[in-house]
Every structure is written in C-alpha cells, then in structure tokens.
Amino acid sequence: MATLFLGGMLIFPVTTLILKMVTTLILKMMGGPAALPKGHPSASLAVQAAFTVPLGLLVAIVLGAYEPALFFPASLIIVGAHYLVFISLYGMRLFAVLAGALILSGVTALFLLPNIGPISGWQGAVILLLFAVLTFRAPSRNGT
C-alpha cells in the first residue's frame, strides 16, 4: 500500500519533468510553442487534478488497513475519477473510456466480485497499459 501511495504522489512530478524536457525539445524543433501562454486558465488544472490521487489514496489506505482486499478496488476508483478531468484538459474523450474502465473495474471488485479484490490492481495495470497505447495513437481535439 505504501508503494502505491508514494508512487501515486511521485508519478506526476517525475513524468512531468521527463515529458517537459522531451516535449519542449520536440515542439521547439517543430517550431511550435512549448507551453500554454501565461495566465491560461487550464495551466494549473493538471496540478490540481494530480493532487486528488494521493489525497484519495489516503482513504484507500484506511480501507486497506481495515480489509486488505478493499485497497486496490478503492484505488482503481480514485485513479479512474482523477482521469475525468483529463477529458477537458487534453480534449480527448478517450480519457472518459479510461476513467470508466478503471471505475467499473473497482466497483465490480468491491460490490459484484469481491474475491477479485486482491488481483484488481493487476486489472488496473492491464487497463492502463492498453490505454497508454490507445492514447498515444489517438489525436486530441486540437488535432495534435
């Protein structure tokens, strides 16, 4: 549980740093802007959305301490809900499908098939890997 909690807190800053370096280099080579203009209303939305995961995982940790089989399903719901903001932020409806898949997987493990709770973390990993490929190939609303 602690690994997921710490990883959840670090995933945004680490990936942001790496992606910023790579994206800035690529965008500058292509002659486009490397960031949103100063004062853009969406500039802080990604940071705000990122804070929902570690704060939500605190609830998952408490549930996991009570009943370990509840930790991963609760985490799937929390992470899935955090992706809902990405629909507007990145202009990609595919994030709605990702959010729905993660939330549905967590809800199923909590209420319909509680025996799969301990392995639902692996289900989430498969869903995220699948959507990583789909998201990489899908165009956003602004055509990029």
C-alpha atoms as a PDB file:
ATOM      1  CA  MET A   1       0.000   0.000   0.000  1.00  0.00           C
ATOM      2  CA  ALA A   2       2.792   2.401   0.855  1.00  0.00           C
ATOM      3  CA  THR A   3       4.440   1.791  -2.522  1.00  0.00           C
ATOM      4  CA  LEU A   4       1.272   2.678  -4.402  1.00  0.00           C
ATOM      5  CA  PHE A   5       0.766   5.735  -2.210  1.00  0.00           C
ATOM      6  CA  LEU A   6       4.322   7.034  -2.701  1.00  0.00           C
ATOM      7  CA  GLY A   7       4.315   6.090  -6.385  1.00  0.00           C
ATOM      8  CA  GLY A   8       1.000   7.892  -6.807  1.00  0.00           C
ATOM      9  CA  MET A   9       2.494  11.016  -5.273  1.00  0.00           C
ATOM     10  CA  LEU A  10       5.645  10.900  -7.388  1.00  0.00           C
ATOM     11  CA  ILE A  11       4.210   9.853 -10.741  1.00  0.00           C
ATOM     12  CA  PHE A  12       3.024  13.321 -11.729  1.00  0.00           C
ATOM     13  CA  PRO A  13       6.154  15.329 -10.868  1.00  0.00           C
ATOM     14  CA  VAL A  14       8.557  12.752 -12.314  1.00  0.00           C
ATOM     15  CA  THR A  15       6.631  12.218 -15.546  1.00  0.00           C
ATOM     16  CA  THR A  16       6.012  15.940 -15.866  1.00  0.00           C
ATOM     17  CA  LEU A  17       9.735  16.640 -15.635  1.00  0.00           C
ATOM     18  CA  ILE A  18      10.632  13.961 -18.174  1.00  0.00           C
ATOM     19  CA  LEU A  19       7.810  14.833 -20.562  1.00  0.00           C
ATOM     20  CA  LYS A  20       8.503  18.543 -20.292  1.00  0.00           C
ATOM     21  CA  MET A  21      12.100  18.046 -21.351  1.00  0.00           C
ATOM     22  CA  VAL A  22      11.220  15.733 -24.253  1.00  0.00           C
ATOM     23  CA  THR A  23       8.132  17.676 -25.353  1.00  0.00           C
ATOM     24  CA  THR A  24       9.892  21.026 -25.198  1.00  0.00           C
ATOM     25  CA  LEU A  25      12.687  19.695 -27.364  1.00  0.00           C
ATOM     26  CA  ILE A  26      10.298  18.192 -29.931  1.00  0.00           C
ATOM     27  CA  LEU A  27       7.960  21.198 -30.036  1.00  0.00           C
ATOM     28  CA  LYS A  28      10.837  23.643 -30.425  1.00  0.00           C
ATOM     29  CA  MET A  29      12.273  21.542 -33.249  1.00  0.00           C
ATOM     30  CA  MET A  30       8.862  21.704 -34.948  1.00  0.00           C
ATOM     31  CA  GLY A  31       8.595  25.469 -34.428  1.00  0.00           C
ATOM     32  CA  GLY A  32       5.544  25.367 -32.119  1.00  0.00           C
ATOM     33  CA  PRO A  33       5.002  26.725 -28.617  1.00  0.00           C
ATOM     34  CA  ALA A  34       6.320  24.519 -25.825  1.00  0.00           C
ATOM     35  CA  ALA A  35       3.805  25.570 -23.140  1.00  0.00           C
ATOM     36  CA  LEU A  36       0.464  27.206 -22.581  1.00  0.00           C
ATOM     37  CA  PRO A  37       0.531  31.005 -22.585  1.00  0.00           C
ATOM     38  CA  LYS A  38       0.955  32.678 -19.195  1.00  0.00           C
ATOM     39  CA  GLY A  39      -2.367  33.164 -17.470  1.00  0.00           C
ATOM     40  CA  HIS A  40      -4.103  30.346 -19.375  1.00  0.00           C
ATOM     41  CA  PRO A  41      -6.936  29.039 -17.162  1.00  0.00           C
ATOM     42  CA  SER A  42      -6.009  25.375 -17.705  1.00  0.00           C
ATOM     43  CA  ALA A  43      -2.361  25.766 -16.728  1.00  0.00           C
ATOM     44  CA  SER A  44      -2.888  24.779 -13.099  1.00  0.00           C
ATOM     45  CA  LEU A  45      -5.685  22.273 -13.694  1.00  0.00           C
ATOM     46  CA  ALA A  46      -3.318  19.337 -14.239  1.00  0.00           C
ATOM     47  CA  VAL A  47      -1.526  20.044 -10.968  1.00  0.00           C
ATOM     48  CA  GLN A  48      -4.820  20.356  -9.121  1.00  0.00           C
ATOM     49  CA  ALA A  49      -6.090  17.104 -10.623  1.00  0.00           C
ATOM     50  CA  ALA A  50      -2.855  15.341  -9.680  1.00  0.00           C
ATOM     51  CA  PHE A  51      -3.412  16.120  -6.001  1.00  0.00           C
ATOM     52  CA  THR A  52      -6.664  14.132  -5.991  1.00  0.00           C
ATOM     53  CA  VAL A  53      -4.805  10.829  -6.278  1.00  0.00           C
ATOM     54  CA  PRO A  54      -2.532  10.978  -3.206  1.00  0.00           C
ATOM     55  CA  LEU A  55      -5.317  12.512  -1.134  1.00  0.00           C
ATOM     56  CA  GLY A  56      -7.794   9.884  -2.304  1.00  0.00           C
ATOM     57  CA  LEU A  57      -5.279   7.119  -1.686  1.00  0.00           C
ATOM     58  CA  LEU A  58      -5.306   8.071   1.973  1.00  0.00           C
ATOM     59  CA  VAL A  59      -8.884   6.773   2.031  1.00  0.00           C
ATOM     60  CA  ALA A  60      -7.791   3.622   0.190  1.00  0.00           C
ATOM     61  CA  ILE A  61      -5.040   3.051   2.763  1.00  0.00           C
ATOM     62  CA  VAL A  62      -7.550   3.286   5.607  1.00  0.00           C
ATOM     63  CA  LEU A  63      -9.844   0.832   3.800  1.00  0.00           C
ATOM     64  CA  GLY A  64      -6.875  -1.447   3.155  1.00  0.00           C
ATOM     65  CA  ALA A  65      -5.923  -1.379   6.823  1.00  0.00           C
ATOM     66  CA  TYR A  66      -9.482  -2.423   7.678  1.00  0.00           C
ATOM     67  CA  GLU A  67      -9.738  -5.051   4.924  1.00  0.00           C
ATOM     68  CA  PRO A  68      -6.712  -5.500   2.611  1.00  0.00           C
ATOM     69  CA  ALA A  69      -8.881  -6.754  -0.278  1.00  0.00           C
ATOM     70  CA  LEU A  70     -10.516  -3.304  -0.455  1.00  0.00           C
ATOM     71  CA  PHE A  71      -7.323  -1.350  -1.153  1.00  0.00           C
ATOM     72  CA  PHE A  72      -6.902  -1.999  -4.891  1.00  0.00           C
ATOM     73  CA  PRO A  73     -10.576  -1.635  -5.854  1.00  0.00           C
ATOM     74  CA  ALA A  74     -10.757   1.676  -3.971  1.00  0.00           C
ATOM     75  CA  SER A  75      -7.530   2.796  -5.644  1.00  0.00           C
ATOM     76  CA  LEU A  76      -8.959   1.990  -9.077  1.00  0.00           C
ATOM     77  CA  ILE A  77     -11.999   4.157  -8.393  1.00  0.00           C
ATOM     78  CA  ILE A  78      -9.832   7.040  -7.137  1.00  0.00           C
ATOM     79  CA  VAL A  79      -7.408   6.905 -10.068  1.00  0.00           C
ATOM     80  CA  GLY A  80     -10.269   6.491 -12.539  1.00  0.00           C
ATOM     81  CA  ALA A  81     -12.096   9.516 -11.153  1.00  0.00           C
ATOM     82  CA  HIS A  82      -8.912  11.562 -11.453  1.00  0.00           C
ATOM     83  CA  TYR A  83      -8.837  10.869 -15.210  1.00  0.00           C
ATOM     84  CA  LEU A  84     -12.241  12.535 -15.706  1.00  0.00           C
ATOM     85  CA  VAL A  85     -10.577  15.970 -15.638  1.00  0.00           C
ATOM     86  CA  PHE A  86      -8.296  14.918 -18.477  1.00  0.00           C
ATOM     87  CA  ILE A  87     -11.250  14.787 -20.888  1.00  0.00           C
ATOM     88  CA  SER A  88     -11.462  18.587 -20.878  1.00  0.00           C
ATOM     89  CA  LEU A  89      -7.827  19.268 -20.099  1.00  0.00           C
ATOM     90  CA  TYR A  90      -6.465  17.391 -23.110  1.00  0.00           C
ATOM     91  CA  GLY A  91      -9.578  17.408 -25.292  1.00  0.00           C
ATOM     92  CA  MET A  92      -9.612  13.622 -25.597  1.00  0.00           C
ATOM     93  CA  ARG A  93     -12.819  11.689 -25.000  1.00  0.00           C
ATOM     94  CA  LEU A  94     -10.733   8.548 -24.746  1.00  0.00           C
ATOM     95  CA  PHE A  95      -9.982   9.577 -21.152  1.00  0.00           C
ATOM     96  CA  ALA A  96     -13.708   9.099 -20.394  1.00  0.00           C
ATOM     97  CA  VAL A  97     -13.379   5.484 -21.511  1.00  0.00           C
ATOM     98  CA  LEU A  98     -10.235   5.037 -19.402  1.00  0.00           C
ATOM     99  CA  ALA A  99     -11.900   6.594 -16.358  1.00  0.00           C
ATOM    100  CA  GLY A 100     -14.987   4.463 -16.875  1.00  0.00           C
ATOM    101  CA  ALA A 101     -12.978   1.259 -17.273  1.00  0.00           C
ATOM    102  CA  LEU A 102     -10.965   1.878 -14.091  1.00  0.00           C
ATOM    103  CA  ILE A 103     -14.019   2.918 -12.079  1.00  0.00           C
ATOM    104  CA  LEU A 104     -16.082  -0.004 -13.355  1.00  0.00           C
ATOM    105  CA  SER A 105     -13.266  -2.415 -12.545  1.00  0.00           C
ATOM    106  CA  GLY A 106     -13.023  -1.040  -8.999  1.00  0.00           C
ATOM    107  CA  VAL A 107     -16.782  -1.034  -8.423  1.00  0.00           C
ATOM    108  CA  THR A 108     -17.043  -4.592  -9.771  1.00  0.00           C
ATOM    109  CA  ALA A 109     -14.311  -5.770  -7.408  1.00  0.00           C
ATOM    110  CA  LEU A 110     -15.938  -4.008  -4.459  1.00  0.00           C
ATOM    111  CA  PHE A 111     -19.569  -4.971  -4.937  1.00  0.00           C
ATOM    112  CA  LEU A 112     -20.085  -7.691  -7.512  1.00  0.00           C
ATOM    113  CA  LEU A 113     -16.998  -9.915  -7.339  1.00  0.00           C
ATOM    114  CA  PRO A 114     -15.259  -9.196  -4.022  1.00  0.00           C
ATOM    115  CA  ASN A 115     -12.999 -12.245  -4.443  1.00  0.00           C
ATOM    116  CA  ILE A 116     -11.072 -10.472  -7.226  1.00  0.00           C
ATOM    117  CA  GLY A 117     -10.187  -7.549  -4.944  1.00  0.00           C
ATOM    118  CA  PRO A 118      -6.605  -8.695  -4.324  1.00  0.00           C
ATOM    119  CA  ILE A 119      -5.877  -9.047  -8.055  1.00  0.00           C
ATOM    120  CA  SER A 120      -7.799  -5.967  -9.205  1.00  0.00           C
ATOM    121  CA  GLY A 121      -4.561  -3.980  -9.089  1.00  0.00           C
ATOM    122  CA  TRP A 122      -3.306  -6.160 -11.951  1.00  0.00           C
ATOM    123  CA  GLN A 123      -6.541  -5.486 -13.832  1.00  0.00           C
ATOM    124  CA  GLY A 124      -5.890  -1.780 -13.429  1.00  0.00           C
ATOM    125  CA  ALA A 125      -2.350  -2.211 -14.730  1.00  0.00           C
ATOM    126  CA  VAL A 126      -3.623  -4.003 -17.848  1.00  0.00           C
ATOM    127  CA  ILE A 127      -6.259  -1.287 -18.422  1.00  0.00           C
ATOM    128  CA  LEU A 128      -3.644   1.481 -18.049  1.00  0.00           C
ATOM    129  CA  LEU A 129      -1.191  -0.249 -20.405  1.00  0.00           C
ATOM    130  CA  LEU A 130      -3.900  -0.756 -23.014  1.00  0.00           C
ATOM    131  CA  PHE A 131      -4.986   2.843 -22.808  1.00  0.00           C
ATOM    132  CA  ALA A 132      -1.376   4.059 -22.931  1.00  0.00           C
ATOM    133  CA  VAL A 133      -1.141   2.554 -26.407  1.00  0.00           C
ATOM    134  CA  LEU A 134      -4.576   3.852 -27.450  1.00  0.00           C
ATOM    135  CA  THR A 135      -3.930   7.332 -26.062  1.00  0.00           C
ATOM    136  CA  PHE A 136      -0.571   7.582 -27.792  1.00  0.00           C
ATOM    137  CA  ARG A 137      -2.217   6.831 -31.136  1.00  0.00           C
ATOM    138  CA  ALA A 138      -5.378   8.940 -30.651  1.00  0.00           C
ATOM    139  CA  PRO A 139      -5.486  12.575 -31.832  1.00  0.00           C
ATOM    140  CA  SER A 140      -6.645  15.213 -29.365  1.00  0.00           C
ATOM    141  CA  ARG A 141      -9.415  17.717 -30.030  1.00  0.00           C
ATOM    142  CA  ASN A 142      -6.945  20.324 -31.263  1.00  0.00           C
ATOM    143  CA  GLY A 143      -5.523  17.880 -33.831  1.00  0.00           C
ATOM    144  CA  THR A 144      -2.239  17.089 -32.125  1.00  0.00           C
END
